Amino acid sequence: MPFPSPPLDGELCRQRQQRLRHYLAEKNLEAAIFFNRHYVYSLSGYWHEQPLTPTAIVVKRDGDTTLFTHDESAVAPAADHNVTYIPNHLFTLKPNLSGCLAEVLNPLLKGIQSAGTEEQTPVALLEGPECTDISEDYQYLRRKKDADEVAAFEFTIRCAERAYATAQQVIEPGVTEVEVMAAMQESATFEAGEFLSGWGQDFQCGGPGGFARHRRKVEAGELYVLDLGVGVRGYRSDLCRTFSVDGNPTAKQQEAHAHIVEVMTMGESLLRPRQSCKEMYEKVNAQLDGWNRYQFFHHAGHGVGLDAHEVPRINPAWDDTFEVGDLVAFEPGLYGPELRGGIRLENNYLITEDGFRQLSHYPLSLTSTSA
C-alpha cells in the first residue's frame, strides 16, 4: 500500500511566515499575497487538492495570516483565519474563479498600501495595495529548506524511483513513448497515494529530451533519456536516468556513461557551502563539452523544491553560491549521434554543514536496477 506524504509541521510553517515578515519589513511592504498553491501549502500547511480552483494566502507584516479557499473544513495548522468563497452554481464552475476569490479577498486588503506578490497572483483583480512582484526574491528567501520540507521532498523522490523501476520493466523495442510515460505516471501516482501536483518532463527516446510522442516506438540500440519531475503537494523532485532500450549498450555508449559517472563524482566534491555555482559549472563543462566530440549544452543543475527550477543555479548566467539547506539537482550529460540520443544522469542532494547528503539512490546503470 502507498504511504501518505508526510504533513508539514505547523510550527515550521509559522517560522517560514516569520522569515517572510522580516523580508516584508526590509522592503517596506505591508503584506504578501500569494495565489500559488505550493506556496500556500509551505506557509500554512493547507494543501489545496483541486487544481481547477484557486486558493490564496495573505501574510500581513504586522498582523495575522489568512487563508482563502472554498473548503469550509480546510485544515491549516498555520493560518489564523480561513475565508471561503463559492466557485460554482450547482457544481458548474463560474467563469472567473480568481475573480470570485478576489471578491472575498479585497475587503481584507483595505488600508494596505503596499504588498508583495508572485507571478501567479492576478494583481489586476486586487483592490487597494500597490503590488510589487517578489517572485525571484521569494526563491532566495525560502531556499533553505526546513526538516519537514526535506521529508516531503524525499517522499517525492521515492515516487520518482518507483516510476523508474516501472520504466525498466516496460522499456523494450517496439513500445511507444506514451506507453512508457503512462506506466511511469501510474506507478508514481500509486506510490504517492493521491493526484500528483506535478509531472514531467522528458519522455522522448533517441534524443536529449522532449514530450512523449504518441506513435513513436522506441528502437533497439537507442538510449532513453528519462528526466522525471514528480510533484506531491507542491514539492517536486527532479531525477534523470538513461536506459538502453534493448539492454545491450554499445562500447561507445558505455564509455560515455562511465565518463559521466566520473564527472558526477567530481561534481559531488563541489556540493558544499560557500562553493561558487558558476565555478562548479565551469569545471563540469570543461570535463564534458567536446569530450570525444560529444556535446554538453545545458546547465549543470539547479535548486529544487516548490518550483521546477529554484535557487541556486549551477549556471554561468547567475553567480549563486551554495548555502546550508539548499536542495540541489546535479545533472551532467553528453549528447551526439553516435550515442543514439544522449546520456544524462541526475541526482538530488541536500547541502549540509559538512558538504552534502545524497537524497536519491536509484541505480545509475544503463541496463540494470542492481548495478
Protein backbone atom coordinates (compact mmCIF):
# COMPACT_ATOMS: atom_id res chain seq x y z
CA MET A 1 0.00 0.00 0.00
CA PRO A 2 1.22 3.54 -0.70
CA PHE A 3 2.15 5.76 2.23
CA PRO A 4 0.82 9.31 2.55
CA SER A 5 3.10 12.27 2.08
CA PRO A 6 4.37 13.43 5.48
CA PRO A 7 2.45 16.55 6.58
CA LEU A 8 4.18 19.87 7.12
CA ASP A 9 4.89 20.94 10.67
CA GLY A 10 2.68 23.85 11.76
CA GLU A 11 5.41 25.46 13.84
CA LEU A 12 7.88 25.34 10.95
CA CYS A 13 5.20 26.87 8.69
CA ARG A 14 4.98 29.71 11.23
CA GLN A 15 8.74 30.12 11.12
CA ARG A 16 8.60 30.40 7.33
CA GLN A 17 5.95 33.09 7.75
CA GLN A 18 8.23 34.98 10.12
CA ARG A 19 11.10 34.92 7.63
CA LEU A 20 8.69 36.34 5.08
CA ARG A 21 7.62 39.07 7.53
CA HIS A 22 11.25 40.08 8.12
CA TYR A 23 11.66 40.40 4.36
CA LEU A 24 8.49 42.49 4.07
CA ALA A 25 9.82 44.83 6.76
CA GLU A 26 13.13 45.21 4.92
CA LYS A 27 11.31 46.07 1.67
CA ASN A 28 8.72 48.32 3.36
CA LEU A 29 5.87 46.10 2.21
CA GLU A 30 2.81 45.66 4.42
CA ALA A 31 1.73 42.19 3.26
CA ALA A 32 2.44 39.28 0.95
CA ILE A 33 -0.36 37.92 -1.27
CA PHE A 34 0.24 34.54 -2.91
CA PHE A 35 -2.09 32.52 -5.16
CA ASN A 36 0.48 29.77 -5.86
CA ARG A 37 -0.96 26.74 -4.05
CA HIS A 38 2.54 25.35 -3.50
CA TYR A 39 3.48 28.49 -1.56
CA VAL A 40 0.16 28.41 0.29
CA TYR A 41 0.95 24.89 1.49
CA SER A 42 4.50 25.74 2.55
CA LEU A 43 3.31 28.71 4.61
CA SER A 44 0.07 27.36 6.08
CA GLY A 45 0.19 23.57 6.00
CA TYR A 46 -3.04 23.53 3.95
CA TRP A 47 -2.89 21.57 0.69
CA HIS A 48 -5.46 22.71 -1.88
CA GLU A 49 -6.15 19.46 -3.75
CA GLN A 50 -8.36 20.85 -6.54
CA PRO A 51 -6.15 22.35 -9.30
CA LEU A 52 -9.17 23.83 -11.11
CA THR A 53 -9.93 26.33 -8.36
CA PRO A 54 -7.65 28.96 -6.83
CA THR A 55 -6.53 29.38 -3.26
CA ALA A 56 -4.62 32.25 -1.71
CA ILE A 57 -2.84 33.36 1.42
CA VAL A 58 -2.27 36.82 2.86
CA VAL A 59 0.55 37.24 5.35
CA LYS A 60 0.43 40.66 6.96
CA ARG A 61 3.74 42.12 8.06
CA ASP A 62 2.31 43.23 11.39
CA GLY A 63 -0.73 41.02 11.61
CA ASP A 64 -2.34 37.65 11.03
CA THR A 65 -2.18 35.05 8.31
CA THR A 66 -5.39 34.46 6.37
CA LEU A 67 -6.16 31.53 4.09
CA PHE A 68 -8.66 31.84 1.22
CA THR A 69 -10.31 28.71 -0.16
CA HIS A 70 -13.74 27.30 -0.97
CA ASP A 71 -13.12 24.48 1.52
CA GLU A 72 -15.01 25.30 4.73
CA SER A 73 -13.31 22.42 6.55
CA ALA A 74 -9.78 23.28 5.43
CA VAL A 75 -7.07 22.02 7.77
CA ALA A 76 -4.48 24.78 8.02
CA PRO A 77 -2.33 24.44 11.16
CA ALA A 78 -0.51 27.74 10.50
CA ALA A 79 -3.37 30.00 9.37
CA ASP A 80 -5.19 32.33 11.78
CA HIS A 81 -8.30 32.68 9.62
CA ASN A 82 -9.98 30.82 6.77
CA VAL A 83 -12.16 32.89 4.44
CA THR A 84 -14.25 30.90 1.97
CA TYR A 85 -15.72 31.74 -1.42
CA ILE A 86 -18.21 29.98 -3.72
CA PRO A 87 -16.65 28.83 -7.02
CA ASN A 88 -19.74 27.28 -8.63
CA HIS A 89 -23.50 27.21 -9.14
CA LEU A 90 -24.89 23.68 -8.75
CA PHE A 91 -21.33 22.39 -9.33
CA THR A 92 -20.87 24.34 -12.59
CA LEU A 93 -17.72 26.40 -12.22
CA LYS A 94 -18.05 30.16 -12.56
CA PRO A 95 -16.13 31.78 -15.46
CA ASN A 96 -13.67 33.90 -13.43
CA LEU A 97 -12.63 31.89 -10.42
CA SER A 98 -9.79 34.19 -9.46
CA GLY A 99 -12.34 37.00 -9.52
CA CYS A 100 -14.58 35.02 -7.17
CA LEU A 101 -11.72 34.68 -4.76
CA ALA A 102 -10.76 38.34 -5.13
CA GLU A 103 -14.29 39.38 -4.11
CA VAL A 104 -13.73 37.99 -0.61
CA LEU A 105 -10.02 38.87 -0.51
CA ASN A 106 -10.27 42.56 -1.40
CA PRO A 107 -12.14 43.63 1.76
CA LEU A 108 -9.19 42.33 3.79
CA LEU A 109 -6.81 44.50 1.77
CA LYS A 110 -8.44 47.79 2.73
CA GLY A 111 -5.87 50.04 4.35
CA ILE A 112 -2.92 48.08 2.99
CA GLN A 113 -0.84 50.43 0.84
CA SER A 114 1.81 48.02 -0.49
CA ALA A 115 2.06 44.27 -1.00
CA GLY A 116 4.42 41.71 -2.45
CA THR A 117 3.02 39.18 -4.92
CA GLU A 118 4.27 36.29 -7.07
CA GLU A 119 3.76 35.51 -10.74
CA GLN A 120 0.51 33.56 -10.28
CA THR A 121 -1.26 36.32 -8.34
CA PRO A 122 -3.74 38.22 -10.59
CA VAL A 123 -2.82 41.73 -9.44
CA ALA A 124 -5.33 43.31 -11.84
CA LEU A 125 -8.10 41.88 -9.66
CA LEU A 126 -6.70 43.22 -6.38
CA GLU A 127 -8.01 46.49 -5.00
CA GLY A 128 -6.03 48.77 -2.73
CA PRO A 129 -2.36 47.99 -2.38
CA GLU A 130 0.35 48.82 -4.86
CA CYS A 131 1.76 45.42 -5.79
CA THR A 132 5.40 44.50 -6.25
CA ASP A 133 6.47 41.21 -7.85
CA ILE A 134 8.74 39.42 -5.37
CA SER A 135 8.88 36.06 -7.19
CA GLU A 136 12.67 35.94 -7.51
CA ASP A 137 13.33 37.36 -4.05
CA TYR A 138 10.99 34.78 -2.56
CA GLN A 139 13.03 31.97 -4.11
CA TYR A 140 16.11 33.24 -2.29
CA LEU A 141 14.10 33.75 0.90
CA ARG A 142 12.82 30.17 1.01
CA ARG A 143 15.90 28.45 -0.40
CA LYS A 144 16.86 26.98 2.99
CA LYS A 145 14.53 24.03 3.39
CA ASP A 146 13.27 23.06 6.83
CA ALA A 147 13.19 19.47 8.09
CA ASP A 148 9.52 18.98 7.22
CA GLU A 149 10.15 20.21 3.67
CA VAL A 150 13.09 17.86 3.22
CA ALA A 151 10.90 14.97 4.37
CA ALA A 152 8.17 15.98 1.90
CA PHE A 153 10.78 16.23 -0.85
CA GLU A 154 12.25 12.80 -0.06
CA PHE A 155 8.76 11.36 -0.41
CA THR A 156 8.56 12.71 -3.98
CA ILE A 157 11.92 11.07 -4.72
CA ARG A 158 10.51 7.75 -3.60
CA CYS A 159 7.62 8.21 -6.03
CA ALA A 160 10.05 9.00 -8.85
CA GLU A 161 12.21 5.98 -8.10
CA ARG A 162 9.12 3.77 -8.18
CA ALA A 163 8.41 5.19 -11.65
CA TYR A 164 11.94 4.40 -12.83
CA ALA A 165 11.61 0.79 -11.67
CA THR A 166 8.46 0.54 -13.76
CA ALA A 167 10.17 2.13 -16.76
CA GLN A 168 12.86 -0.53 -16.76
CA GLN A 169 10.19 -3.21 -16.74
CA VAL A 170 8.30 -1.84 -19.76
CA ILE A 171 11.07 -0.42 -21.96
CA GLU A 172 11.80 -2.70 -24.90
CA PRO A 173 11.98 -2.27 -28.67
CA GLY A 174 8.54 -1.52 -30.09
CA VAL A 175 6.94 0.10 -27.03
CA THR A 176 5.70 3.65 -27.61
CA GLU A 177 6.97 6.65 -25.70
CA VAL A 178 3.46 7.39 -24.44
CA GLU A 179 3.15 3.84 -23.08
CA VAL A 180 6.37 4.31 -21.12
CA MET A 181 5.26 7.68 -19.78
CA ALA A 182 1.80 6.43 -18.82
CA ALA A 183 3.20 3.41 -16.97
CA MET A 184 5.61 5.63 -15.06
CA GLN A 185 2.89 8.10 -14.13
CA GLU A 186 0.64 5.30 -12.89
CA SER A 187 3.39 3.96 -10.64
CA ALA A 188 4.30 7.39 -9.27
CA THR A 189 0.65 8.17 -8.57
CA PHE A 190 0.10 4.87 -6.80
CA GLU A 191 3.19 5.42 -4.66
CA ALA A 192 2.01 8.94 -3.79
CA GLY A 193 -1.46 7.70 -2.94
CA GLU A 194 -3.04 10.84 -4.42
CA PHE A 195 -3.27 13.06 -7.50
CA LEU A 196 0.19 14.35 -8.41
CA SER A 197 0.71 18.10 -8.16
CA GLY A 198 3.48 18.00 -10.75
CA TRP A 199 4.53 15.69 -13.55
CA GLY A 200 7.06 15.88 -16.38
CA GLN A 201 9.17 16.42 -18.28
CA ASP A 202 11.34 14.40 -20.78
CA PHE A 203 9.98 11.15 -22.24
CA GLN A 204 11.41 11.17 -25.77
CA CYS A 205 13.71 8.35 -26.80
CA GLY A 206 16.76 8.73 -29.04
CA GLY A 207 17.38 12.37 -28.16
CA PRO A 208 18.20 14.76 -25.29
CA GLY A 209 14.57 15.02 -24.21
CA GLY A 210 11.11 16.28 -25.02
CA PHE A 211 7.47 15.32 -24.63
CA ALA A 212 6.39 11.77 -25.40
CA ARG A 213 5.21 11.16 -28.95
CA HIS A 214 2.08 9.03 -29.26
CA ARG A 215 3.02 6.87 -32.24
CA ARG A 216 6.78 6.90 -31.84
CA LYS A 217 8.11 3.44 -30.99
CA VAL A 218 11.49 3.10 -29.33
CA GLU A 219 14.16 1.20 -31.22
CA ALA A 220 16.91 -1.26 -30.36
CA GLY A 221 20.26 0.47 -29.99
CA GLU A 222 18.75 3.74 -28.77
CA LEU A 223 19.31 5.30 -25.39
CA TYR A 224 16.27 6.52 -23.49
CA VAL A 225 16.82 9.73 -21.50
CA LEU A 226 14.05 9.98 -18.91
CA ASP A 227 14.11 13.22 -16.92
CA LEU A 228 11.35 12.99 -14.36
CA GLY A 229 9.85 15.64 -12.12
CA VAL A 230 7.32 14.23 -9.65
CA GLY A 231 5.32 16.68 -7.54
CA VAL A 232 3.35 15.75 -4.44
CA ARG A 233 1.58 18.55 -2.55
CA GLY A 234 3.70 21.15 -4.26
CA TYR A 235 7.13 19.72 -3.52
CA ARG A 236 8.83 18.40 -6.63
CA SER A 237 11.88 16.20 -7.13
CA ASP A 238 13.88 16.16 -10.37
CA LEU A 239 15.75 12.99 -11.33
CA CYS A 240 17.17 11.77 -14.62
CA ARG A 241 18.24 8.30 -15.68
CA THR A 242 19.24 6.91 -19.07
CA PHE A 243 18.44 3.36 -20.15
CA SER A 244 19.48 1.19 -23.07
CA VAL A 245 16.32 0.21 -24.95
CA ASP A 246 17.49 -3.33 -25.71
CA GLY A 247 19.74 -3.73 -22.68
CA ASN A 248 22.80 -4.05 -24.89
CA PRO A 249 24.61 -0.67 -24.95
CA THR A 250 27.46 -0.23 -27.40
CA ALA A 251 31.06 0.26 -26.30
CA LYS A 252 30.82 3.99 -27.09
CA GLN A 253 27.63 4.32 -25.08
CA GLN A 254 29.18 2.52 -22.11
CA GLU A 255 32.34 4.63 -22.34
CA ALA A 256 30.33 7.88 -22.34
CA HIS A 257 28.20 6.65 -19.45
CA ALA A 258 31.28 5.79 -17.40
CA HIS A 259 32.71 9.25 -18.06
CA ILE A 260 29.52 10.94 -16.85
CA VAL A 261 29.58 8.86 -13.67
CA GLU A 262 33.16 10.07 -13.09
CA VAL A 263 32.05 13.66 -13.62
CA MET A 264 29.21 13.16 -11.17
CA THR A 265 31.71 12.06 -8.54
CA MET A 266 33.90 15.06 -9.28
CA GLY A 267 30.92 17.41 -9.16
CA GLU A 268 29.71 15.99 -5.86
CA SER A 269 33.00 17.05 -4.29
CA LEU A 270 31.92 20.66 -5.00
CA LEU A 271 28.50 20.36 -3.36
CA ARG A 272 29.38 22.26 -0.20
CA PRO A 273 28.56 25.56 1.49
CA ARG A 274 30.20 28.70 0.04
CA GLN A 275 31.09 26.96 -3.23
CA SER A 276 30.54 29.14 -6.31
CA CYS A 277 27.91 27.53 -8.54
CA LYS A 278 29.34 29.28 -11.61
CA GLU A 279 32.77 27.83 -10.84
CA MET A 280 31.22 24.37 -10.44
CA TYR A 281 29.52 24.71 -13.82
CA GLU A 282 32.81 25.70 -15.48
CA LYS A 283 34.61 22.68 -14.03
CA VAL A 284 31.84 20.30 -15.07
CA ASN A 285 31.57 21.85 -18.53
CA ALA A 286 35.34 21.53 -19.05
CA GLN A 287 35.08 17.78 -18.44
CA LEU A 288 32.08 17.26 -20.71
CA ASP A 289 31.69 19.60 -23.67
CA GLY A 290 33.86 18.36 -26.54
CA TRP A 291 34.84 15.12 -24.81
CA ASN A 292 35.15 12.55 -27.63
CA ARG A 293 33.45 15.20 -29.80
CA TYR A 294 30.21 14.97 -27.82
CA GLN A 295 28.25 17.99 -26.64
CA PHE A 296 27.17 19.31 -23.28
CA PHE A 297 24.84 22.25 -23.92
CA HIS A 298 22.76 22.84 -20.82
CA HIS A 299 23.12 23.87 -17.19
CA ALA A 300 24.76 21.51 -14.73
CA GLY A 301 21.89 21.70 -12.29
CA HIS A 302 19.65 23.90 -10.19
CA GLY A 303 17.80 24.21 -6.93
CA VAL A 304 14.59 22.24 -6.43
CA GLY A 305 11.67 22.36 -4.03
CA LEU A 306 8.37 24.11 -4.77
CA ASP A 307 9.25 25.20 -8.32
CA ALA A 308 10.78 23.11 -11.12
CA HIS A 309 13.90 25.32 -11.09
CA GLU A 310 14.90 27.25 -7.99
CA VAL A 311 17.88 28.93 -6.38
CA PRO A 312 20.76 28.08 -6.51
CA ARG A 313 21.51 27.70 -10.22
CA ILE A 314 24.58 25.80 -11.46
CA ASN A 315 24.67 28.02 -14.50
CA PRO A 316 27.16 30.67 -15.69
CA ALA A 317 24.32 33.15 -16.21
CA TRP A 318 23.97 33.52 -12.42
CA ASP A 319 26.50 34.00 -9.65
CA ASP A 320 24.94 31.85 -6.93
CA THR A 321 26.77 30.21 -4.04
CA PHE A 322 25.69 27.06 -2.24
CA GLU A 323 24.27 27.53 1.27
CA VAL A 324 23.32 25.08 4.01
CA GLY A 325 19.74 23.95 3.47
CA ASP A 326 19.76 24.14 -0.34
CA LEU A 327 18.06 21.30 -2.21
CA VAL A 328 20.00 20.77 -5.42
CA ALA A 329 19.69 18.73 -8.62
CA PHE A 330 23.02 18.00 -10.35
CA GLU A 331 22.73 16.73 -13.95
CA PRO A 332 25.77 16.19 -16.19
CA GLY A 333 25.21 14.79 -19.69
CA LEU A 334 26.72 14.02 -23.10
CA TYR A 335 24.96 14.09 -26.47
CA GLY A 336 25.79 13.07 -30.02
CA PRO A 337 24.57 10.96 -32.95
CA GLU A 338 26.92 8.07 -32.09
CA LEU A 339 25.17 7.74 -28.72
CA ARG A 340 21.78 7.32 -30.43
CA GLY A 341 20.48 10.25 -28.43
CA GLY A 342 22.45 11.03 -25.34
CA ILE A 343 23.10 10.25 -21.71
CA ARG A 344 22.07 12.39 -18.75
CA LEU A 345 22.20 11.41 -15.09
CA GLU A 346 20.69 13.47 -12.29
CA ASN A 347 20.58 13.10 -8.53
CA ASN A 348 19.16 15.29 -5.77
CA TYR A 349 21.15 16.48 -2.76
CA LEU A 350 20.79 18.49 0.44
CA ILE A 351 23.65 20.90 1.16
CA THR A 352 24.81 20.41 4.76
CA GLU A 353 27.41 21.98 7.05
CA ASP A 354 29.84 19.18 6.12
CA GLY A 355 29.11 19.06 2.40
CA PHE A 356 26.02 17.23 1.14
CA ARG A 357 23.58 14.43 1.81
CA GLN A 358 22.51 12.46 -1.26
CA LEU A 359 18.74 12.05 -1.27
CA SER A 360 18.18 9.95 -4.42
CA HIS A 361 19.66 6.50 -4.78
CA TYR A 362 18.14 4.78 -7.81
CA PRO A 363 20.95 2.96 -9.69
CA LEU A 364 22.72 4.88 -12.45
CA SER A 365 23.24 1.84 -14.68
CA LEU A 366 22.19 1.84 -18.32
CA THR A 367 20.88 -1.69 -18.11
CA SER A 368 20.04 -2.93 -14.61
CA THR A 369 18.42 -1.82 -11.37
CA SER A 370 21.07 -3.82 -9.49
CA ALA A 371 24.20 -2.06 -10.80
